[in-house]
Protein backbone atom coordinates (compact mmCIF):
# COMPACT_ATOMS: atom_id res chain seq x y z
CA UNK A 1 0.00 0.00 0.00
CA UNK A 2 0.98 3.66 0.06
CA UNK A 3 3.63 5.14 2.32
CA UNK A 4 1.79 8.09 3.83
CA UNK A 5 4.11 8.44 6.80
CA UNK A 6 6.61 11.21 7.32
CA UNK A 7 10.26 10.48 8.01
CA UNK A 8 11.47 11.53 11.44
CA UNK A 9 13.42 14.65 10.55
CA UNK A 10 13.18 18.38 11.25
CA UNK A 11 11.95 19.03 7.71
CA UNK A 12 10.29 15.76 6.63
CA UNK A 13 9.75 15.18 2.94
CA UNK A 14 7.38 12.81 1.19
CA UNK A 15 9.36 10.01 -0.40
CA UNK A 16 6.86 9.77 -3.22
CA UNK A 17 6.69 6.00 -2.91
CA UNK A 18 3.38 4.20 -2.67
CA UNK A 19 2.89 1.97 0.31
CA UNK A 20 0.36 1.76 3.16
CA UNK A 21 1.56 -0.66 5.66
CA UNK A 22 5.33 -0.57 5.42
CA UNK A 23 8.39 1.63 4.94
CA UNK A 24 9.07 2.98 1.46
CA UNK A 25 10.75 0.79 -1.13
CA UNK A 26 14.13 2.52 -1.10
CA UNK A 27 16.18 -0.49 -2.11
CA UNK A 28 17.35 -1.02 1.46
CA UNK A 29 15.91 -3.21 4.19
CA UNK A 30 13.22 -1.91 6.55
CA UNK A 31 14.25 1.24 8.37
CA UNK A 32 15.83 1.00 11.81
CA UNK A 33 14.78 3.28 14.62
CA UNK A 34 18.39 4.09 15.33
CA UNK A 35 17.58 4.20 19.00
CA UNK A 36 20.22 1.96 20.49
CA UNK A 37 18.87 0.17 23.53
CA UNK A 38 15.45 -1.38 23.36
CA UNK A 39 12.58 -0.87 25.73
CA UNK A 40 9.74 -3.02 27.04
CA UNK A 41 7.83 -5.10 24.54
CA UNK A 42 4.35 -3.89 23.74
CA UNK A 43 2.44 -7.12 24.21
CA UNK A 44 4.05 -9.85 26.25
CA UNK A 45 3.84 -13.61 25.78
CA UNK A 46 3.41 -15.03 22.31
CA UNK A 47 -0.19 -15.46 21.23
CA UNK A 48 -1.98 -16.57 18.11
CA UNK A 49 -4.80 -15.00 16.17
CA UNK A 50 -7.30 -17.79 16.69
CA UNK A 51 -6.38 -19.60 13.49
CA UNK A 52 -3.15 -21.13 14.81
CA UNK A 53 -1.05 -18.36 13.26
CA UNK A 54 1.53 -16.91 15.68
CA UNK A 55 0.92 -13.20 16.27
CA UNK A 56 4.05 -11.33 15.19
CA UNK A 57 2.83 -8.21 17.02
CA UNK A 58 4.17 -9.79 20.20
CA UNK A 59 7.58 -8.66 18.92
CA UNK A 60 6.74 -4.94 18.90
CA UNK A 61 9.03 -2.94 21.22
CA UNK A 62 8.01 0.39 22.74
CA UNK A 63 10.87 2.90 22.54
CA UNK A 64 9.18 6.13 21.45
CA UNK A 65 11.29 8.30 23.77
CA UNK A 66 14.16 7.96 21.30
CA UNK A 67 12.00 9.75 18.70
CA UNK A 68 12.23 12.91 20.78
CA UNK A 69 15.84 13.80 19.87
CA UNK A 70 16.01 15.02 16.28
CA UNK A 71 18.33 17.50 14.61
CA UNK A 72 19.75 18.82 17.86
CA UNK A 73 16.33 19.26 19.50
CA UNK A 74 15.36 17.13 22.50
CA UNK A 75 11.65 17.91 22.72
CA UNK A 76 10.30 16.89 19.30
CA UNK A 77 6.75 15.47 19.37
CA UNK A 78 6.92 12.21 17.43
CA UNK A 79 5.65 8.64 17.45
CA UNK A 80 7.31 5.31 16.89
CA UNK A 81 5.57 3.51 14.04
CA UNK A 82 5.00 -0.13 13.24
CA UNK A 83 3.18 -1.69 10.31
CA UNK A 84 1.41 -5.01 10.68
CA UNK A 85 -0.64 -7.11 8.30
CA UNK A 86 -2.42 -10.45 8.27
CA UNK A 87 -3.73 -12.22 5.16
CA UNK A 88 -5.92 -15.30 4.71
CA UNK A 89 -6.34 -17.18 1.43
CA UNK A 90 -3.99 -18.86 -1.03
CA UNK A 91 -1.61 -18.12 -3.88
CA UNK A 92 -4.08 -19.17 -6.58
CA UNK A 93 -7.28 -17.41 -5.52
CA UNK A 94 -5.86 -14.41 -3.68
CA UNK A 95 -6.04 -13.09 -0.15
CA UNK A 96 -8.15 -10.98 2.18
CA UNK A 97 -7.12 -9.45 5.47
CA UNK A 98 -6.13 -6.36 7.38
CA UNK A 99 -3.20 -3.99 7.76
CA UNK A 100 -2.66 -1.63 10.68
CA UNK A 101 -0.36 1.36 11.16
CA UNK A 102 0.48 1.64 14.87
CA UNK A 103 1.70 4.93 16.39
CA UNK A 104 3.23 4.98 19.89
CA UNK A 105 3.88 8.54 21.04
CA UNK A 106 6.65 10.10 23.12
CA UNK A 107 6.00 12.58 25.96
CA UNK A 108 6.04 15.73 23.75
CA UNK A 109 3.51 13.95 21.50
CA UNK A 110 1.23 13.45 24.51
CA UNK A 111 1.87 17.03 25.69
CA UNK A 112 0.28 18.22 22.45
CA UNK A 113 -2.89 16.33 23.37
CA UNK A 114 -2.17 13.43 21.01
CA UNK A 115 -2.51 9.78 21.95
CA UNK A 116 -1.27 6.40 20.78
CA UNK A 117 -3.45 5.45 17.84
CA UNK A 118 -4.00 3.04 14.97
CA UNK A 119 -5.01 3.31 11.32
CA UNK A 120 -6.79 0.18 10.02
CA UNK A 121 -7.07 -0.91 6.39
CA UNK A 122 -9.25 -3.64 4.89
CA UNK A 123 -7.25 -5.66 2.36
CA UNK A 124 -7.91 -7.69 -0.75
CA UNK A 125 -4.90 -9.06 -2.64
CA UNK A 126 -4.53 -10.62 -6.08
CA UNK A 127 -1.86 -13.18 -7.08
CA UNK A 128 1.16 -11.64 -8.81
CA UNK A 129 4.75 -12.34 -9.76
CA UNK A 130 7.74 -12.20 -7.40
CA UNK A 131 9.69 -9.63 -9.42
CA UNK A 132 13.39 -9.43 -8.60
CA UNK A 133 13.06 -11.55 -5.44
CA UNK A 134 14.57 -14.77 -6.78
CA UNK A 135 14.19 -16.60 -3.46
CA UNK A 136 10.48 -15.77 -3.10
CA UNK A 137 7.83 -18.38 -3.75
CA UNK A 138 4.77 -16.13 -4.16
CA UNK A 139 3.75 -12.59 -5.01
CA UNK A 140 0.61 -10.53 -4.49
CA UNK A 141 -0.76 -7.06 -5.13
CA UNK A 142 -2.64 -5.75 -2.10
CA UNK A 143 -5.48 -3.21 -2.35
CA UNK A 144 -6.26 -1.26 0.84
CA UNK A 145 -9.23 0.82 1.99
CA UNK A 146 -9.22 2.65 5.33
CA UNK A 147 -11.57 1.13 7.87
CA UNK A 148 -12.73 4.32 9.57
CA UNK A 149 -14.80 2.57 12.23
CA UNK A 150 -11.75 0.73 13.61
CA UNK A 151 -9.29 3.61 13.15
CA UNK A 152 -8.40 5.72 16.20
CA UNK A 153 -5.91 8.19 14.64
CA UNK A 154 -7.28 11.59 13.58
CA UNK A 155 -8.18 11.80 9.90
CA UNK A 156 -5.40 14.30 9.01
CA UNK A 157 -2.78 11.69 9.96
CA UNK A 158 -3.80 9.48 7.01
CA UNK A 159 -5.51 12.09 4.83
CA UNK A 160 -5.15 11.52 1.09
CA UNK A 161 -4.34 7.84 1.46
CA UNK A 162 -7.75 6.35 2.08
CA UNK A 163 -7.32 3.88 -0.81
CA UNK A 164 -3.98 2.43 -1.93
CA UNK A 165 -2.24 -0.57 -3.45
CA UNK A 166 1.21 -2.16 -3.25
CA UNK A 167 2.90 -5.32 -4.58
CA UNK A 168 4.59 -7.75 -2.17
CA UNK A 169 6.69 -10.88 -2.57
CA UNK A 170 7.09 -13.50 0.14
CA UNK A 171 9.50 -16.28 1.01
CA UNK A 172 8.01 -18.94 3.27
CA UNK A 173 10.64 -20.69 5.38
CA UNK A 174 10.54 -24.20 6.77
CA UNK A 175 10.55 -23.05 10.40
CA UNK A 176 7.15 -21.35 10.04
CA UNK A 177 8.57 -17.86 9.54
CA UNK A 178 8.10 -15.74 6.43
CA UNK A 179 10.14 -12.90 4.92
CA UNK A 180 8.43 -10.08 3.01
CA UNK A 181 10.06 -8.22 0.11
CA UNK A 182 9.41 -5.43 -2.36
CA UNK A 183 9.36 -7.22 -5.74
CA UNK A 184 10.68 -4.15 -7.56
CA UNK A 185 13.95 -3.81 -5.66
CA UNK A 186 14.08 -7.26 -4.08
CA UNK A 187 14.74 -5.68 -0.67
CA UNK A 188 13.26 -7.17 2.49
CA UNK A 189 11.02 -4.87 4.55
CA UNK A 190 9.39 -7.17 7.11
CA UNK A 191 9.19 -10.63 8.64
CA UNK A 192 6.39 -12.69 10.11
CA UNK A 193 4.87 -16.15 10.36
CA UNK A 194 2.82 -18.41 8.16
CA UNK A 195 0.64 -21.50 8.22
CA UNK A 196 -1.37 -23.08 5.45
CA UNK A 197 -3.90 -20.45 4.36
CA UNK A 198 -2.60 -17.55 6.47
CA UNK A 199 0.44 -15.30 6.86
CA UNK A 200 1.39 -12.08 8.64
CA UNK A 201 4.14 -9.47 8.81
CA UNK A 202 5.61 -6.80 11.09
CA UNK A 203 7.76 -3.86 9.97
CA UNK A 204 9.43 -1.28 12.22
CA UNK A 205 9.84 2.07 10.44
CA UNK A 206 11.28 4.31 13.14
CA UNK A 207 9.59 7.63 13.89
CA UNK A 208 6.95 9.88 12.36
CA UNK A 209 5.81 13.42 13.09
CA UNK A 210 2.21 14.50 13.78
CA UNK A 211 0.10 15.82 10.92
CA UNK A 212 -1.88 18.85 12.09
C-alpha atoms as a PDB file:
ATOM      1  CA  UNK A   1       0.000   0.000   0.000  1.00  0.00           C
ATOM      2  CA  UNK A   2       0.984   3.662   0.061  1.00  0.00           C
ATOM      3  CA  UNK A   3       3.631   5.136   2.322  1.00  0.00           C
ATOM      4  CA  UNK A   4       1.785   8.091   3.835  1.00  0.00           C
ATOM      5  CA  UNK A   5       4.108   8.444   6.796  1.00  0.00           C
ATOM      6  CA  UNK A   6       6.609  11.210   7.318  1.00  0.00           C
ATOM      7  CA  UNK A   7      10.256  10.476   8.014  1.00  0.00           C
ATOM      8  CA  UNK A   8      11.466  11.527  11.443  1.00  0.00           C
ATOM      9  CA  UNK A   9      13.423  14.654  10.547  1.00  0.00           C
ATOM     10  CA  UNK A  10      13.180  18.384  11.249  1.00  0.00           C
ATOM     11  CA  UNK A  11      11.948  19.029   7.707  1.00  0.00           C
ATOM     12  CA  UNK A  12      10.292  15.765   6.635  1.00  0.00           C
ATOM     13  CA  UNK A  13       9.750  15.185   2.939  1.00  0.00           C
ATOM     14  CA  UNK A  14       7.376  12.809   1.194  1.00  0.00           C
ATOM     15  CA  UNK A  15       9.357  10.011  -0.404  1.00  0.00           C
ATOM     16  CA  UNK A  16       6.860   9.766  -3.224  1.00  0.00           C
ATOM     17  CA  UNK A  17       6.689   5.999  -2.915  1.00  0.00           C
ATOM     18  CA  UNK A  18       3.380   4.197  -2.672  1.00  0.00           C
ATOM     19  CA  UNK A  19       2.888   1.971   0.309  1.00  0.00           C
ATOM     20  CA  UNK A  20       0.365   1.757   3.158  1.00  0.00           C
ATOM     21  CA  UNK A  21       1.558  -0.661   5.658  1.00  0.00           C
ATOM     22  CA  UNK A  22       5.328  -0.572   5.423  1.00  0.00           C
ATOM     23  CA  UNK A  23       8.386   1.628   4.941  1.00  0.00           C
ATOM     24  CA  UNK A  24       9.066   2.981   1.459  1.00  0.00           C
ATOM     25  CA  UNK A  25      10.754   0.790  -1.132  1.00  0.00           C
ATOM     26  CA  UNK A  26      14.127   2.525  -1.096  1.00  0.00           C
ATOM     27  CA  UNK A  27      16.181  -0.494  -2.108  1.00  0.00           C
ATOM     28  CA  UNK A  28      17.346  -1.018   1.464  1.00  0.00           C
ATOM     29  CA  UNK A  29      15.907  -3.208   4.189  1.00  0.00           C
ATOM     30  CA  UNK A  30      13.225  -1.905   6.553  1.00  0.00           C
ATOM     31  CA  UNK A  31      14.246   1.242   8.367  1.00  0.00           C
ATOM     32  CA  UNK A  32      15.831   1.003  11.810  1.00  0.00           C
ATOM     33  CA  UNK A  33      14.776   3.284  14.620  1.00  0.00           C
ATOM     34  CA  UNK A  34      18.387   4.093  15.330  1.00  0.00           C
ATOM     35  CA  UNK A  35      17.576   4.199  19.002  1.00  0.00           C
ATOM     36  CA  UNK A  36      20.217   1.959  20.494  1.00  0.00           C
ATOM     37  CA  UNK A  37      18.873   0.168  23.535  1.00  0.00           C
ATOM     38  CA  UNK A  38      15.451  -1.377  23.355  1.00  0.00           C
ATOM     39  CA  UNK A  39      12.575  -0.870  25.735  1.00  0.00           C
ATOM     40  CA  UNK A  40       9.743  -3.025  27.041  1.00  0.00           C
ATOM     41  CA  UNK A  41       7.832  -5.103  24.542  1.00  0.00           C
ATOM     42  CA  UNK A  42       4.345  -3.891  23.745  1.00  0.00           C
ATOM     43  CA  UNK A  43       2.444  -7.121  24.214  1.00  0.00           C
ATOM     44  CA  UNK A  44       4.055  -9.855  26.255  1.00  0.00           C
ATOM     45  CA  UNK A  45       3.839 -13.606  25.780  1.00  0.00           C
ATOM     46  CA  UNK A  46       3.407 -15.028  22.310  1.00  0.00           C
ATOM     47  CA  UNK A  47      -0.190 -15.461  21.229  1.00  0.00           C
ATOM     48  CA  UNK A  48      -1.984 -16.570  18.109  1.00  0.00           C
ATOM     49  CA  UNK A  49      -4.801 -15.002  16.171  1.00  0.00           C
ATOM     50  CA  UNK A  50      -7.303 -17.790  16.692  1.00  0.00           C
ATOM     51  CA  UNK A  51      -6.378 -19.605  13.491  1.00  0.00           C
ATOM     52  CA  UNK A  52      -3.151 -21.130  14.805  1.00  0.00           C
ATOM     53  CA  UNK A  53      -1.052 -18.357  13.260  1.00  0.00           C
ATOM     54  CA  UNK A  54       1.526 -16.910  15.676  1.00  0.00           C
ATOM     55  CA  UNK A  55       0.917 -13.199  16.266  1.00  0.00           C
ATOM     56  CA  UNK A  56       4.053 -11.330  15.185  1.00  0.00           C
ATOM     57  CA  UNK A  57       2.830  -8.212  17.016  1.00  0.00           C
ATOM     58  CA  UNK A  58       4.171  -9.789  20.204  1.00  0.00           C
ATOM     59  CA  UNK A  59       7.582  -8.655  18.915  1.00  0.00           C
ATOM     60  CA  UNK A  60       6.743  -4.935  18.901  1.00  0.00           C
ATOM     61  CA  UNK A  61       9.035  -2.942  21.220  1.00  0.00           C
ATOM     62  CA  UNK A  62       8.008   0.390  22.738  1.00  0.00           C
ATOM     63  CA  UNK A  63      10.866   2.896  22.541  1.00  0.00           C
ATOM     64  CA  UNK A  64       9.180   6.131  21.454  1.00  0.00           C
ATOM     65  CA  UNK A  65      11.286   8.303  23.766  1.00  0.00           C
ATOM     66  CA  UNK A  66      14.156   7.961  21.300  1.00  0.00           C
ATOM     67  CA  UNK A  67      12.004   9.754  18.696  1.00  0.00           C
ATOM     68  CA  UNK A  68      12.231  12.906  20.781  1.00  0.00           C
ATOM     69  CA  UNK A  69      15.840  13.797  19.870  1.00  0.00           C
ATOM     70  CA  UNK A  70      16.008  15.020  16.280  1.00  0.00           C
ATOM     71  CA  UNK A  71      18.327  17.498  14.611  1.00  0.00           C
ATOM     72  CA  UNK A  72      19.754  18.821  17.864  1.00  0.00           C
ATOM     73  CA  UNK A  73      16.328  19.258  19.504  1.00  0.00           C
ATOM     74  CA  UNK A  74      15.361  17.128  22.497  1.00  0.00           C
ATOM     75  CA  UNK A  75      11.654  17.913  22.723  1.00  0.00           C
ATOM     76  CA  UNK A  76      10.303  16.892  19.301  1.00  0.00           C
ATOM     77  CA  UNK A  77       6.749  15.466  19.367  1.00  0.00           C
ATOM     78  CA  UNK A  78       6.920  12.209  17.425  1.00  0.00           C
ATOM     79  CA  UNK A  79       5.655   8.638  17.446  1.00  0.00           C
ATOM     80  CA  UNK A  80       7.309   5.310  16.886  1.00  0.00           C
ATOM     81  CA  UNK A  81       5.568   3.512  14.041  1.00  0.00           C
ATOM     82  CA  UNK A  82       5.004  -0.134  13.243  1.00  0.00           C
ATOM     83  CA  UNK A  83       3.184  -1.688  10.306  1.00  0.00           C
ATOM     84  CA  UNK A  84       1.410  -5.013  10.677  1.00  0.00           C
ATOM     85  CA  UNK A  85      -0.640  -7.109   8.296  1.00  0.00           C
ATOM     86  CA  UNK A  86      -2.419 -10.454   8.267  1.00  0.00           C
ATOM     87  CA  UNK A  87      -3.730 -12.222   5.165  1.00  0.00           C
ATOM     88  CA  UNK A  88      -5.924 -15.297   4.705  1.00  0.00           C
ATOM     89  CA  UNK A  89      -6.339 -17.179   1.429  1.00  0.00           C
ATOM     90  CA  UNK A  90      -3.985 -18.856  -1.027  1.00  0.00           C
ATOM     91  CA  UNK A  91      -1.609 -18.122  -3.884  1.00  0.00           C
ATOM     92  CA  UNK A  92      -4.079 -19.170  -6.585  1.00  0.00           C
ATOM     93  CA  UNK A  93      -7.281 -17.410  -5.522  1.00  0.00           C
ATOM     94  CA  UNK A  94      -5.856 -14.408  -3.683  1.00  0.00           C
ATOM     95  CA  UNK A  95      -6.038 -13.093  -0.151  1.00  0.00           C
ATOM     96  CA  UNK A  96      -8.150 -10.979   2.175  1.00  0.00           C
ATOM     97  CA  UNK A  97      -7.120  -9.452   5.465  1.00  0.00           C
ATOM     98  CA  UNK A  98      -6.134  -6.361   7.378  1.00  0.00           C
ATOM     99  CA  UNK A  99      -3.196  -3.987   7.756  1.00  0.00           C
ATOM    100  CA  UNK A 100      -2.661  -1.630  10.683  1.00  0.00           C
ATOM    101  CA  UNK A 101      -0.357   1.358  11.163  1.00  0.00           C
ATOM    102  CA  UNK A 102       0.477   1.644  14.873  1.00  0.00           C
ATOM    103  CA  UNK A 103       1.698   4.932  16.393  1.00  0.00           C
ATOM    104  CA  UNK A 104       3.232   4.979  19.891  1.00  0.00           C
ATOM    105  CA  UNK A 105       3.881   8.543  21.038  1.00  0.00           C
ATOM    106  CA  UNK A 106       6.647  10.103  23.123  1.00  0.00           C
ATOM    107  CA  UNK A 107       5.999  12.579  25.961  1.00  0.00           C
ATOM    108  CA  UNK A 108       6.043  15.725  23.747  1.00  0.00           C
ATOM    109  CA  UNK A 109       3.511  13.951  21.499  1.00  0.00           C
ATOM    110  CA  UNK A 110       1.232  13.448  24.509  1.00  0.00           C
ATOM    111  CA  UNK A 111       1.865  17.031  25.694  1.00  0.00           C
ATOM    112  CA  UNK A 112       0.276  18.220  22.452  1.00  0.00           C
ATOM    113  CA  UNK A 113      -2.891  16.328  23.365  1.00  0.00           C
ATOM    114  CA  UNK A 114      -2.170  13.434  21.008  1.00  0.00           C
ATOM    115  CA  UNK A 115      -2.507   9.777  21.946  1.00  0.00           C
ATOM    116  CA  UNK A 116      -1.272   6.400  20.785  1.00  0.00           C
ATOM    117  CA  UNK A 117      -3.448   5.453  17.845  1.00  0.00           C
ATOM    118  CA  UNK A 118      -4.005   3.039  14.972  1.00  0.00           C
ATOM    119  CA  UNK A 119      -5.011   3.308  11.320  1.00  0.00           C
ATOM    120  CA  UNK A 120      -6.788   0.179  10.023  1.00  0.00           C
ATOM    121  CA  UNK A 121      -7.065  -0.913   6.393  1.00  0.00           C
ATOM    122  CA  UNK A 122      -9.253  -3.645   4.887  1.00  0.00           C
ATOM    123  CA  UNK A 123      -7.249  -5.657   2.363  1.00  0.00           C
ATOM    124  CA  UNK A 124      -7.915  -7.691  -0.752  1.00  0.00           C
ATOM    125  CA  UNK A 125      -4.902  -9.058  -2.642  1.00  0.00           C
ATOM    126  CA  UNK A 126      -4.533 -10.620  -6.080  1.00  0.00           C
ATOM    127  CA  UNK A 127      -1.860 -13.182  -7.076  1.00  0.00           C
ATOM    128  CA  UNK A 128       1.157 -11.636  -8.808  1.00  0.00           C
ATOM    129  CA  UNK A 129       4.753 -12.340  -9.762  1.00  0.00           C
ATOM    130  CA  UNK A 130       7.735 -12.203  -7.404  1.00  0.00           C
ATOM    131  CA  UNK A 131       9.691  -9.630  -9.419  1.00  0.00           C
ATOM    132  CA  UNK A 132      13.389  -9.432  -8.601  1.00  0.00           C
ATOM    133  CA  UNK A 133      13.062 -11.551  -5.439  1.00  0.00           C
ATOM    134  CA  UNK A 134      14.568 -14.765  -6.778  1.00  0.00           C
ATOM    135  CA  UNK A 135      14.192 -16.604  -3.456  1.00  0.00           C
ATOM    136  CA  UNK A 136      10.483 -15.766  -3.101  1.00  0.00           C
ATOM    137  CA  UNK A 137       7.830 -18.380  -3.752  1.00  0.00           C
ATOM    138  CA  UNK A 138       4.767 -16.129  -4.162  1.00  0.00           C
ATOM    139  CA  UNK A 139       3.748 -12.594  -5.009  1.00  0.00           C
ATOM    140  CA  UNK A 140       0.614 -10.527  -4.492  1.00  0.00           C
ATOM    141  CA  UNK A 141      -0.761  -7.060  -5.127  1.00  0.00           C
ATOM    142  CA  UNK A 142      -2.638  -5.745  -2.096  1.00  0.00           C
ATOM    143  CA  UNK A 143      -5.477  -3.212  -2.346  1.00  0.00           C
ATOM    144  CA  UNK A 144      -6.259  -1.261   0.837  1.00  0.00           C
ATOM    145  CA  UNK A 145      -9.227   0.818   1.989  1.00  0.00           C
ATOM    146  CA  UNK A 146      -9.222   2.653   5.329  1.00  0.00           C
ATOM    147  CA  UNK A 147     -11.568   1.129   7.872  1.00  0.00           C
ATOM    148  CA  UNK A 148     -12.731   4.321   9.571  1.00  0.00           C
ATOM    149  CA  UNK A 149     -14.799   2.570  12.233  1.00  0.00           C
ATOM    150  CA  UNK A 150     -11.750   0.732  13.608  1.00  0.00           C
ATOM    151  CA  UNK A 151      -9.291   3.614  13.153  1.00  0.00           C
ATOM    152  CA  UNK A 152      -8.400   5.717  16.203  1.00  0.00           C
ATOM    153  CA  UNK A 153      -5.915   8.189  14.640  1.00  0.00           C
ATOM    154  CA  UNK A 154      -7.277  11.588  13.577  1.00  0.00           C
ATOM    155  CA  UNK A 155      -8.180  11.801   9.904  1.00  0.00           C
ATOM    156  CA  UNK A 156      -5.396  14.296   9.007  1.00  0.00           C
ATOM    157  CA  UNK A 157      -2.777  11.690   9.957  1.00  0.00           C
ATOM    158  CA  UNK A 158      -3.795   9.482   7.012  1.00  0.00           C
ATOM    159  CA  UNK A 159      -5.507  12.089   4.828  1.00  0.00           C
ATOM    160  CA  UNK A 160      -5.151  11.524   1.093  1.00  0.00           C
ATOM    161  CA  UNK A 161      -4.338   7.836   1.462  1.00  0.00           C
ATOM    162  CA  UNK A 162      -7.753   6.350   2.082  1.00  0.00           C
ATOM    163  CA  UNK A 163      -7.319   3.876  -0.806  1.00  0.00           C
ATOM    164  CA  UNK A 164      -3.980   2.426  -1.930  1.00  0.00           C
ATOM    165  CA  UNK A 165      -2.237  -0.573  -3.451  1.00  0.00           C
ATOM    166  CA  UNK A 166       1.208  -2.160  -3.253  1.00  0.00           C
ATOM    167  CA  UNK A 167       2.900  -5.320  -4.576  1.00  0.00           C
ATOM    168  CA  UNK A 168       4.592  -7.749  -2.175  1.00  0.00           C
ATOM    169  CA  UNK A 169       6.690 -10.877  -2.573  1.00  0.00           C
ATOM    170  CA  UNK A 170       7.087 -13.503   0.138  1.00  0.00           C
ATOM    171  CA  UNK A 171       9.505 -16.280   1.009  1.00  0.00           C
ATOM    172  CA  UNK A 172       8.009 -18.939   3.275  1.00  0.00           C
ATOM    173  CA  UNK A 173      10.636 -20.687   5.377  1.00  0.00           C
ATOM    174  CA  UNK A 174      10.536 -24.203   6.766  1.00  0.00           C
ATOM    175  CA  UNK A 175      10.547 -23.052  10.397  1.00  0.00           C
ATOM    176  CA  UNK A 176       7.152 -21.351  10.044  1.00  0.00           C
ATOM    177  CA  UNK A 177       8.569 -17.861   9.538  1.00  0.00           C
ATOM    178  CA  UNK A 178       8.102 -15.743   6.427  1.00  0.00           C
ATOM    179  CA  UNK A 179      10.137 -12.901   4.924  1.00  0.00           C
ATOM    180  CA  UNK A 180       8.433 -10.082   3.007  1.00  0.00           C
ATOM    181  CA  UNK A 181      10.063  -8.224   0.107  1.00  0.00           C
ATOM    182  CA  UNK A 182       9.411  -5.432  -2.363  1.00  0.00           C
ATOM    183  CA  UNK A 183       9.357  -7.222  -5.743  1.00  0.00           C
ATOM    184  CA  UNK A 184      10.677  -4.147  -7.559  1.00  0.00           C
ATOM    185  CA  UNK A 185      13.955  -3.814  -5.660  1.00  0.00           C
ATOM    186  CA  UNK A 186      14.078  -7.261  -4.083  1.00  0.00           C
ATOM    187  CA  UNK A 187      14.739  -5.685  -0.670  1.00  0.00           C
ATOM    188  CA  UNK A 188      13.255  -7.172   2.494  1.00  0.00           C
ATOM    189  CA  UNK A 189      11.018  -4.871   4.551  1.00  0.00           C
ATOM    190  CA  UNK A 190       9.388  -7.173   7.110  1.00  0.00           C
ATOM    191  CA  UNK A 191       9.195 -10.629   8.639  1.00  0.00           C
ATOM    192  CA  UNK A 192       6.390 -12.691  10.112  1.00  0.00           C
ATOM    193  CA  UNK A 193       4.869 -16.155  10.362  1.00  0.00           C
ATOM    194  CA  UNK A 194       2.815 -18.415   8.158  1.00  0.00           C
ATOM    195  CA  UNK A 195       0.645 -21.501   8.223  1.00  0.00           C
ATOM    196  CA  UNK A 196      -1.371 -23.079   5.447  1.00  0.00           C
ATOM    197  CA  UNK A 197      -3.899 -20.449   4.356  1.00  0.00           C
ATOM    198  CA  UNK A 198      -2.599 -17.547   6.465  1.00  0.00           C
ATOM    199  CA  UNK A 199       0.441 -15.296   6.858  1.00  0.00           C
ATOM    200  CA  UNK A 200       1.393 -12.083   8.639  1.00  0.00           C
ATOM    201  CA  UNK A 201       4.142  -9.471   8.805  1.00  0.00           C
ATOM    202  CA  UNK A 202       5.605  -6.796  11.088  1.00  0.00           C
ATOM    203  CA  UNK A 203       7.764  -3.858   9.965  1.00  0.00           C
ATOM    204  CA  UNK A 204       9.428  -1.276  12.221  1.00  0.00           C
ATOM    205  CA  UNK A 205       9.837   2.066  10.441  1.00  0.00           C
ATOM    206  CA  UNK A 206      11.277   4.312  13.141  1.00  0.00           C
ATOM    207  CA  UNK A 207       9.589   7.626  13.889  1.00  0.00           C
ATOM    208  CA  UNK A 208       6.952   9.882  12.356  1.00  0.00           C
ATOM    209  CA  UNK A 209       5.806  13.418  13.093  1.00  0.00           C
ATOM    210  CA  UNK A 210       2.213  14.498  13.780  1.00  0.00           C
ATOM    211  CA  UNK A 211       0.100  15.824  10.925  1.00  0.00           C
ATOM    212  CA  UNK A 212      -1.878  18.851  12.091  1.00  0.00           C
END
